[in-house]
């Protein structure tokens, strides 16, 4: 909800709507927002700042800085493209959402064979979703 306050530009005192209409040249109209409509992962400043509820990462633009939104609707429109997920009153960045998915459904392992610097063979297992790694065959460990 948005509310407006009128102040006299000279004295800084609050004035009535009627006074503000009669003296528009000396009246400053301030806007106050009731933040009760915002979910816990959003902060209203002159803009809306968005962070991951789990790790606290900023919702970033291509340049590496936080994206700032004029409205909550515009912020939500950007989530799909960036692979962020709003889940109830939480917002998850792509990495935290992948970790949550793997915790609930299990990892999707891929085997990588290679050699150590000393020439011995080495096999590493990596989850294709959350990038967790294991030096042991996950199928053997889970038995």
N, C-alpha and C. Protein backbone atom coordinates (compact mmCIF):
# COMPACT_ATOMS: atom_id res chain seq x y z
N UNK A 1 0.85 -1.16 0.00
CA UNK A 1 0.00 0.00 0.00
C UNK A 1 0.89 1.23 0.00
N UNK A 2 0.51 2.23 -0.73
CA UNK A 2 1.28 3.46 -0.81
C UNK A 2 0.49 4.57 -0.14
N UNK A 3 1.16 5.36 0.68
CA UNK A 3 0.54 6.51 1.31
C UNK A 3 1.38 7.73 0.99
N UNK A 4 0.72 8.87 1.02
CA UNK A 4 1.42 10.11 0.71
C UNK A 4 1.33 11.05 1.90
N UNK A 5 2.41 11.79 2.15
CA UNK A 5 2.45 12.84 3.15
C UNK A 5 2.80 14.12 2.43
N UNK A 6 2.18 15.20 2.85
CA UNK A 6 2.48 16.51 2.29
C UNK A 6 3.25 17.30 3.34
N UNK A 7 4.34 17.94 2.91
CA UNK A 7 5.13 18.77 3.81
C UNK A 7 5.31 20.14 3.18
N UNK A 8 5.32 21.13 4.03
CA UNK A 8 5.64 22.47 3.58
C UNK A 8 7.14 22.51 3.32
N UNK A 9 7.53 22.96 2.14
CA UNK A 9 8.95 22.96 1.75
C UNK A 9 9.78 23.89 2.62
N UNK A 10 9.19 24.95 3.13
CA UNK A 10 9.94 25.91 3.95
C UNK A 10 10.13 25.45 5.38
N UNK A 11 9.07 24.96 6.01
CA UNK A 11 9.14 24.61 7.43
C UNK A 11 9.38 23.13 7.67
N UNK A 12 9.04 22.28 6.70
CA UNK A 12 9.16 20.84 6.87
C UNK A 12 8.00 20.23 7.62
N UNK A 13 7.02 21.06 8.00
CA UNK A 13 5.87 20.56 8.74
C UNK A 13 4.88 19.86 7.81
N UNK A 14 4.19 18.87 8.38
CA UNK A 14 3.14 18.20 7.62
C UNK A 14 1.98 19.17 7.42
N UNK A 15 1.40 19.10 6.21
CA UNK A 15 0.25 19.97 5.91
C UNK A 15 -0.88 19.12 5.36
N UNK A 16 -2.08 19.63 5.38
CA UNK A 16 -3.26 18.91 4.90
C UNK A 16 -3.26 18.84 3.38
N UNK A 17 -4.07 17.93 2.85
CA UNK A 17 -4.23 17.82 1.40
C UNK A 17 -4.78 19.12 0.83
N UNK A 18 -5.69 19.76 1.56
CA UNK A 18 -6.28 21.02 1.09
C UNK A 18 -5.22 22.11 0.96
N UNK A 19 -4.35 22.21 1.97
CA UNK A 19 -3.28 23.19 1.94
C UNK A 19 -2.34 22.90 0.76
N UNK A 20 -2.02 21.62 0.57
CA UNK A 20 -1.12 21.24 -0.51
C UNK A 20 -1.70 21.62 -1.87
N UNK A 21 -3.01 21.45 -2.04
CA UNK A 21 -3.65 21.82 -3.30
C UNK A 21 -3.62 23.33 -3.52
N UNK A 22 -3.76 24.11 -2.45
CA UNK A 22 -3.77 25.57 -2.56
C UNK A 22 -2.36 26.14 -2.75
N UNK A 23 -1.33 25.40 -2.28
CA UNK A 23 0.05 25.90 -2.34
C UNK A 23 0.99 24.86 -2.96
N UNK A 24 0.74 24.47 -4.20
CA UNK A 24 1.56 23.41 -4.80
C UNK A 24 3.03 23.81 -4.97
N UNK A 25 3.30 25.09 -5.12
CA UNK A 25 4.68 25.53 -5.34
C UNK A 25 5.54 25.43 -4.08
N UNK A 26 4.93 25.35 -2.91
CA UNK A 26 5.71 25.26 -1.67
C UNK A 26 5.44 23.96 -0.91
N UNK A 27 4.84 23.00 -1.57
CA UNK A 27 4.51 21.74 -0.91
C UNK A 27 5.28 20.59 -1.55
N UNK A 28 5.87 19.76 -0.72
CA UNK A 28 6.59 18.57 -1.18
C UNK A 28 5.71 17.37 -0.83
N UNK A 29 5.48 16.52 -1.81
CA UNK A 29 4.67 15.31 -1.58
C UNK A 29 5.61 14.12 -1.42
N UNK A 30 5.55 13.48 -0.28
CA UNK A 30 6.39 12.32 0.01
C UNK A 30 5.56 11.06 -0.14
N UNK A 31 6.20 10.01 -0.58
CA UNK A 31 5.52 8.72 -0.73
C UNK A 31 6.07 7.75 0.30
N UNK A 32 5.18 7.09 1.03
CA UNK A 32 5.55 6.06 1.98
C UNK A 32 4.96 4.75 1.50
N UNK A 33 5.72 3.68 1.63
CA UNK A 33 5.25 2.36 1.24
C UNK A 33 5.08 1.50 2.48
N UNK A 34 4.03 0.73 2.50
CA UNK A 34 3.84 -0.27 3.54
C UNK A 34 4.48 -1.54 3.01
N UNK A 35 5.56 -2.00 3.63
CA UNK A 35 6.32 -3.14 3.13
C UNK A 35 5.72 -4.49 3.52
N UNK A 36 4.55 -4.50 4.12
CA UNK A 36 3.95 -5.77 4.52
C UNK A 36 3.59 -6.64 3.31
N UNK A 37 3.53 -6.03 2.11
CA UNK A 37 3.23 -6.80 0.91
C UNK A 37 4.46 -7.49 0.32
N UNK A 38 5.66 -7.20 0.85
CA UNK A 38 6.88 -7.77 0.30
C UNK A 38 7.21 -9.10 0.98
N UNK A 39 7.66 -10.09 0.20
CA UNK A 39 8.14 -11.33 0.80
C UNK A 39 9.46 -11.07 1.52
N UNK A 40 9.89 -12.00 2.40
CA UNK A 40 11.10 -11.76 3.19
C UNK A 40 12.39 -11.60 2.39
N UNK A 41 12.43 -12.09 1.16
CA UNK A 41 13.65 -12.01 0.37
C UNK A 41 13.78 -10.71 -0.41
N UNK A 42 12.83 -9.79 -0.27
CA UNK A 42 12.86 -8.52 -1.01
C UNK A 42 12.96 -7.35 -0.04
N UNK A 43 13.70 -6.33 -0.44
CA UNK A 43 13.84 -5.11 0.35
C UNK A 43 13.48 -3.93 -0.53
N UNK A 44 12.60 -3.05 -0.05
CA UNK A 44 12.23 -1.87 -0.82
C UNK A 44 13.08 -0.69 -0.37
N UNK A 45 13.74 -0.10 -1.31
CA UNK A 45 14.46 1.15 -1.09
C UNK A 45 13.83 2.07 -2.13
N UNK A 46 14.55 2.92 -2.80
CA UNK A 46 13.91 3.57 -3.95
C UNK A 46 13.69 2.54 -5.06
N UNK A 47 14.16 1.33 -4.84
CA UNK A 47 14.06 0.22 -5.77
C UNK A 47 13.86 -1.05 -4.95
N UNK A 48 13.68 -2.18 -5.60
CA UNK A 48 13.56 -3.46 -4.89
C UNK A 48 14.82 -4.28 -5.15
N UNK A 49 15.45 -4.69 -4.06
CA UNK A 49 16.69 -5.46 -4.07
C UNK A 49 16.31 -6.91 -3.73
N UNK A 50 16.84 -7.88 -4.46
CA UNK A 50 16.44 -9.28 -4.29
C UNK A 50 17.66 -10.14 -3.95
N UNK A 51 17.51 -11.06 -2.98
CA UNK A 51 18.60 -11.95 -2.56
C UNK A 51 18.08 -13.37 -2.38
N UNK A 52 18.98 -14.34 -2.52
CA UNK A 52 18.65 -15.74 -2.27
C UNK A 52 18.38 -15.91 -0.77
N UNK A 53 17.30 -16.60 -0.43
CA UNK A 53 16.93 -16.82 0.97
C UNK A 53 17.89 -17.78 1.67
N UNK A 54 18.60 -18.61 0.93
CA UNK A 54 19.47 -19.61 1.54
C UNK A 54 20.89 -19.09 1.70
N UNK A 55 21.53 -18.68 0.62
CA UNK A 55 22.94 -18.28 0.68
C UNK A 55 23.15 -16.77 0.73
N UNK A 56 22.10 -15.99 0.48
CA UNK A 56 22.21 -14.53 0.53
C UNK A 56 22.78 -13.89 -0.72
N UNK A 57 22.97 -14.67 -1.79
CA UNK A 57 23.54 -14.11 -3.02
C UNK A 57 22.59 -13.07 -3.62
N UNK A 58 23.17 -11.99 -4.15
CA UNK A 58 22.37 -10.99 -4.86
C UNK A 58 21.88 -11.54 -6.17
N UNK A 59 20.70 -11.10 -6.59
CA UNK A 59 20.20 -11.39 -7.93
C UNK A 59 20.99 -10.46 -8.84
N UNK A 60 21.94 -11.02 -9.61
CA UNK A 60 22.90 -10.20 -10.34
C UNK A 60 22.61 -10.11 -11.82
N UNK A 61 23.08 -9.00 -12.40
CA UNK A 61 23.02 -8.80 -13.83
C UNK A 61 24.24 -9.38 -14.51
N UNK A 62 24.31 -9.27 -15.80
CA UNK A 62 25.43 -9.80 -16.58
C UNK A 62 26.77 -9.18 -16.18
N UNK A 63 26.75 -7.97 -15.67
CA UNK A 63 27.97 -7.27 -15.31
C UNK A 63 28.48 -7.64 -13.92
N UNK A 64 27.74 -8.49 -13.19
CA UNK A 64 28.18 -8.93 -11.87
C UNK A 64 27.65 -8.11 -10.72
N UNK A 65 26.88 -7.07 -11.00
CA UNK A 65 26.29 -6.27 -9.93
C UNK A 65 24.84 -6.64 -9.71
N UNK A 66 24.28 -6.26 -8.57
CA UNK A 66 22.89 -6.63 -8.29
C UNK A 66 21.91 -5.92 -9.23
N UNK A 67 20.89 -6.66 -9.65
CA UNK A 67 19.82 -6.06 -10.43
C UNK A 67 18.85 -5.41 -9.45
N UNK A 68 18.38 -4.24 -9.79
CA UNK A 68 17.45 -3.50 -8.95
C UNK A 68 16.16 -3.31 -9.75
N UNK A 69 15.04 -3.54 -9.10
CA UNK A 69 13.76 -3.53 -9.80
C UNK A 69 12.85 -2.43 -9.27
N UNK A 70 12.05 -1.86 -10.17
CA UNK A 70 11.08 -0.84 -9.78
C UNK A 70 9.90 -1.46 -9.05
N UNK A 71 9.51 -2.67 -9.45
CA UNK A 71 8.35 -3.32 -8.85
C UNK A 71 8.65 -4.79 -8.59
N UNK A 72 7.87 -5.39 -7.71
CA UNK A 72 7.99 -6.81 -7.43
C UNK A 72 7.61 -7.64 -8.65
N UNK A 73 6.66 -7.16 -9.43
CA UNK A 73 6.24 -7.87 -10.65
C UNK A 73 7.42 -7.98 -11.62
N UNK A 74 8.16 -6.89 -11.80
CA UNK A 74 9.31 -6.91 -12.71
C UNK A 74 10.40 -7.85 -12.20
N UNK A 75 10.58 -7.90 -10.88
CA UNK A 75 11.57 -8.82 -10.32
C UNK A 75 11.17 -10.26 -10.62
N UNK A 76 9.91 -10.59 -10.36
CA UNK A 76 9.44 -11.96 -10.58
C UNK A 76 9.53 -12.37 -12.05
N UNK A 77 9.34 -11.44 -12.95
CA UNK A 77 9.44 -11.74 -14.39
C UNK A 77 10.85 -12.16 -14.78
N UNK A 78 11.84 -11.76 -14.01
CA UNK A 78 13.24 -12.07 -14.33
C UNK A 78 13.72 -13.40 -13.76
N UNK A 79 12.98 -14.00 -12.84
CA UNK A 79 13.44 -15.21 -12.17
C UNK A 79 13.63 -16.38 -13.12
N UNK A 80 12.67 -16.65 -14.00
CA UNK A 80 12.75 -17.82 -14.89
C UNK A 80 13.99 -17.78 -15.76
N UNK A 81 14.25 -16.64 -16.35
CA UNK A 81 15.39 -16.51 -17.26
C UNK A 81 16.71 -16.76 -16.53
N UNK A 82 16.76 -16.39 -15.26
CA UNK A 82 18.00 -16.54 -14.48
C UNK A 82 18.04 -17.84 -13.70
N UNK A 83 17.03 -18.69 -13.84
CA UNK A 83 16.96 -19.98 -13.15
C UNK A 83 16.85 -19.83 -11.63
N UNK A 84 16.21 -18.75 -11.18
CA UNK A 84 15.91 -18.59 -9.76
C UNK A 84 14.47 -19.07 -9.54
N UNK A 85 14.20 -19.60 -8.35
CA UNK A 85 12.91 -20.21 -8.08
C UNK A 85 12.29 -19.61 -6.82
N UNK A 86 11.07 -19.14 -6.95
CA UNK A 86 10.33 -18.67 -5.78
C UNK A 86 9.53 -19.86 -5.26
N UNK A 87 9.78 -20.20 -4.00
CA UNK A 87 9.16 -21.37 -3.40
C UNK A 87 8.54 -20.94 -2.07
N UNK A 88 7.23 -20.73 -2.06
CA UNK A 88 6.58 -20.22 -0.86
C UNK A 88 7.10 -18.84 -0.54
N UNK A 89 7.58 -18.63 0.69
CA UNK A 89 8.14 -17.33 1.03
C UNK A 89 9.66 -17.28 0.90
N UNK A 90 10.22 -18.26 0.16
CA UNK A 90 11.67 -18.29 -0.07
C UNK A 90 11.96 -18.07 -1.55
N UNK A 91 13.13 -17.50 -1.82
CA UNK A 91 13.63 -17.34 -3.18
C UNK A 91 14.98 -18.03 -3.23
N UNK A 92 15.14 -18.96 -4.18
CA UNK A 92 16.38 -19.73 -4.28
C UNK A 92 17.12 -19.38 -5.56
N UNK A 93 18.43 -19.11 -5.42
CA UNK A 93 19.26 -18.93 -6.60
C UNK A 93 19.40 -20.29 -7.29
N UNK A 94 19.90 -20.30 -8.50
CA UNK A 94 20.03 -21.55 -9.24
C UNK A 94 20.84 -22.60 -8.51
N UNK A 95 21.96 -22.20 -7.90
CA UNK A 95 22.81 -23.15 -7.19
C UNK A 95 22.09 -23.76 -5.99
N UNK A 96 21.42 -22.94 -5.19
CA UNK A 96 20.72 -23.45 -4.01
C UNK A 96 19.51 -24.30 -4.41
N UNK A 97 18.86 -23.93 -5.51
CA UNK A 97 17.74 -24.75 -5.99
C UNK A 97 18.23 -26.12 -6.45
N UNK A 98 19.37 -26.16 -7.14
CA UNK A 98 19.95 -27.44 -7.56
C UNK A 98 20.30 -28.31 -6.37
N UNK A 99 20.89 -27.70 -5.33
CA UNK A 99 21.24 -28.47 -4.13
C UNK A 99 19.98 -29.01 -3.44
N UNK A 100 18.94 -28.18 -3.37
CA UNK A 100 17.68 -28.62 -2.78
C UNK A 100 17.09 -29.78 -3.56
N UNK A 101 17.13 -29.69 -4.89
CA UNK A 101 16.57 -30.74 -5.75
C UNK A 101 17.32 -32.05 -5.52
N UNK A 102 18.64 -31.99 -5.47
CA UNK A 102 19.44 -33.20 -5.26
C UNK A 102 19.20 -33.81 -3.88
N UNK A 103 19.01 -32.97 -2.87
CA UNK A 103 18.69 -33.49 -1.54
C UNK A 103 17.37 -34.24 -1.53
N UNK A 104 16.40 -33.75 -2.30
CA UNK A 104 15.07 -34.37 -2.34
C UNK A 104 15.00 -35.57 -3.27
N UNK A 105 15.71 -35.52 -4.41
CA UNK A 105 15.54 -36.53 -5.46
C UNK A 105 16.79 -37.38 -5.71
N UNK A 106 17.90 -37.01 -5.14
CA UNK A 106 19.15 -37.73 -5.38
C UNK A 106 19.96 -37.09 -6.50
N UNK A 107 21.24 -37.39 -6.50
CA UNK A 107 22.15 -36.80 -7.48
C UNK A 107 22.07 -37.54 -8.81
N UNK A 108 22.48 -36.86 -9.85
CA UNK A 108 22.58 -37.44 -11.19
C UNK A 108 24.08 -37.49 -11.53
N UNK A 109 24.69 -38.64 -11.25
CA UNK A 109 26.14 -38.76 -11.32
C UNK A 109 26.65 -39.01 -12.74
N UNK A 110 27.81 -38.43 -13.04
CA UNK A 110 28.53 -38.69 -14.29
C UNK A 110 29.97 -39.03 -13.92
N UNK A 111 30.51 -40.01 -14.62
CA UNK A 111 31.87 -40.48 -14.33
C UNK A 111 32.87 -39.77 -15.24
N UNK A 112 33.98 -39.35 -14.65
CA UNK A 112 35.07 -38.73 -15.40
C UNK A 112 36.34 -39.52 -15.10
N UNK A 113 36.95 -40.05 -16.14
CA UNK A 113 38.21 -40.78 -15.97
C UNK A 113 39.36 -39.90 -16.40
N UNK A 114 40.42 -39.92 -15.63
CA UNK A 114 41.59 -39.12 -15.96
C UNK A 114 42.83 -39.66 -15.28
N UNK A 115 43.88 -38.88 -15.32
CA UNK A 115 45.13 -39.28 -14.68
C UNK A 115 45.59 -38.19 -13.73
N UNK A 116 46.20 -38.66 -12.64
CA UNK A 116 46.81 -37.75 -11.69
C UNK A 116 48.14 -37.27 -12.28
N UNK A 117 48.73 -36.22 -11.72
CA UNK A 117 50.03 -35.76 -12.21
C UNK A 117 51.12 -36.84 -12.15
N UNK A 118 50.99 -37.80 -11.22
CA UNK A 118 52.00 -38.86 -11.12
C UNK A 118 51.76 -39.99 -12.12
N UNK A 119 50.71 -39.85 -12.94
CA UNK A 119 50.45 -40.84 -13.99
C UNK A 119 49.48 -41.93 -13.62
N UNK A 120 49.07 -42.01 -12.38
CA UNK A 120 48.10 -43.05 -11.99
C UNK A 120 46.69 -42.63 -12.41
N UNK A 121 45.89 -43.64 -12.69
CA UNK A 121 44.51 -43.37 -13.10
C UNK A 121 43.70 -42.82 -11.94
N UNK A 122 42.74 -41.99 -12.31
CA UNK A 122 41.86 -41.42 -11.30
C UNK A 122 40.46 -41.29 -11.89
N UNK A 123 39.46 -41.72 -11.13
CA UNK A 123 38.07 -41.57 -11.54
C UNK A 123 37.39 -40.62 -10.55
N UNK A 124 36.69 -39.66 -11.10
CA UNK A 124 35.94 -38.70 -10.29
C UNK A 124 34.49 -38.75 -10.75
N UNK A 125 33.58 -38.76 -9.79
CA UNK A 125 32.15 -38.72 -10.07
C UNK A 125 31.65 -37.32 -9.75
N UNK A 126 30.85 -36.75 -10.65
CA UNK A 126 30.34 -35.39 -10.45
C UNK A 126 28.84 -35.37 -10.75
N UNK A 127 28.10 -34.70 -9.90
CA UNK A 127 26.66 -34.55 -10.13
C UNK A 127 26.46 -33.54 -11.25
N UNK A 128 25.65 -33.88 -12.22
CA UNK A 128 25.41 -32.98 -13.36
C UNK A 128 24.51 -31.82 -12.98
N UNK A 129 23.86 -31.92 -11.84
CA UNK A 129 22.94 -30.86 -11.44
C UNK A 129 23.58 -29.88 -10.45
N UNK A 130 24.13 -30.38 -9.35
CA UNK A 130 24.64 -29.48 -8.30
C UNK A 130 26.16 -29.42 -8.24
N UNK A 131 26.86 -30.18 -9.06
CA UNK A 131 28.32 -30.19 -9.16
C UNK A 131 29.03 -30.79 -7.95
N UNK A 132 28.32 -31.51 -7.09
CA UNK A 132 28.99 -32.23 -6.00
C UNK A 132 29.88 -33.29 -6.63
N UNK A 133 31.05 -33.53 -6.02
CA UNK A 133 31.98 -34.53 -6.55
C UNK A 133 32.25 -35.62 -5.52
N UNK A 134 32.64 -36.76 -6.04
CA UNK A 134 32.98 -37.91 -5.19
C UNK A 134 34.11 -38.68 -5.86
N UNK A 135 35.04 -39.19 -5.07
CA UNK A 135 36.12 -40.01 -5.61
C UNK A 135 35.73 -41.49 -5.62
N UNK A 136 34.62 -41.82 -4.94
CA UNK A 136 34.13 -43.20 -4.91
C UNK A 136 32.89 -43.29 -5.78
N UNK A 137 32.68 -44.48 -6.34
CA UNK A 137 31.49 -44.72 -7.15
C UNK A 137 30.26 -44.56 -6.25
N UNK A 138 29.41 -43.58 -6.53
CA UNK A 138 28.23 -43.35 -5.67
C UNK A 138 27.33 -44.58 -5.57
N UNK A 139 27.28 -45.39 -6.61
CA UNK A 139 26.46 -46.60 -6.57
C UNK A 139 27.01 -47.58 -5.55
N UNK A 140 28.34 -47.66 -5.43
CA UNK A 140 28.97 -48.55 -4.46
C UNK A 140 28.79 -48.02 -3.03
N UNK A 141 28.88 -46.71 -2.87
CA UNK A 141 28.79 -46.11 -1.54
C UNK A 141 27.38 -46.26 -0.98
N UNK A 142 26.36 -46.16 -1.83
CA UNK A 142 24.98 -46.21 -1.36
C UNK A 142 24.52 -47.62 -1.04
N UNK A 143 25.28 -48.62 -1.38
CA UNK A 143 24.87 -50.01 -1.10
C UNK A 143 25.10 -50.38 0.32
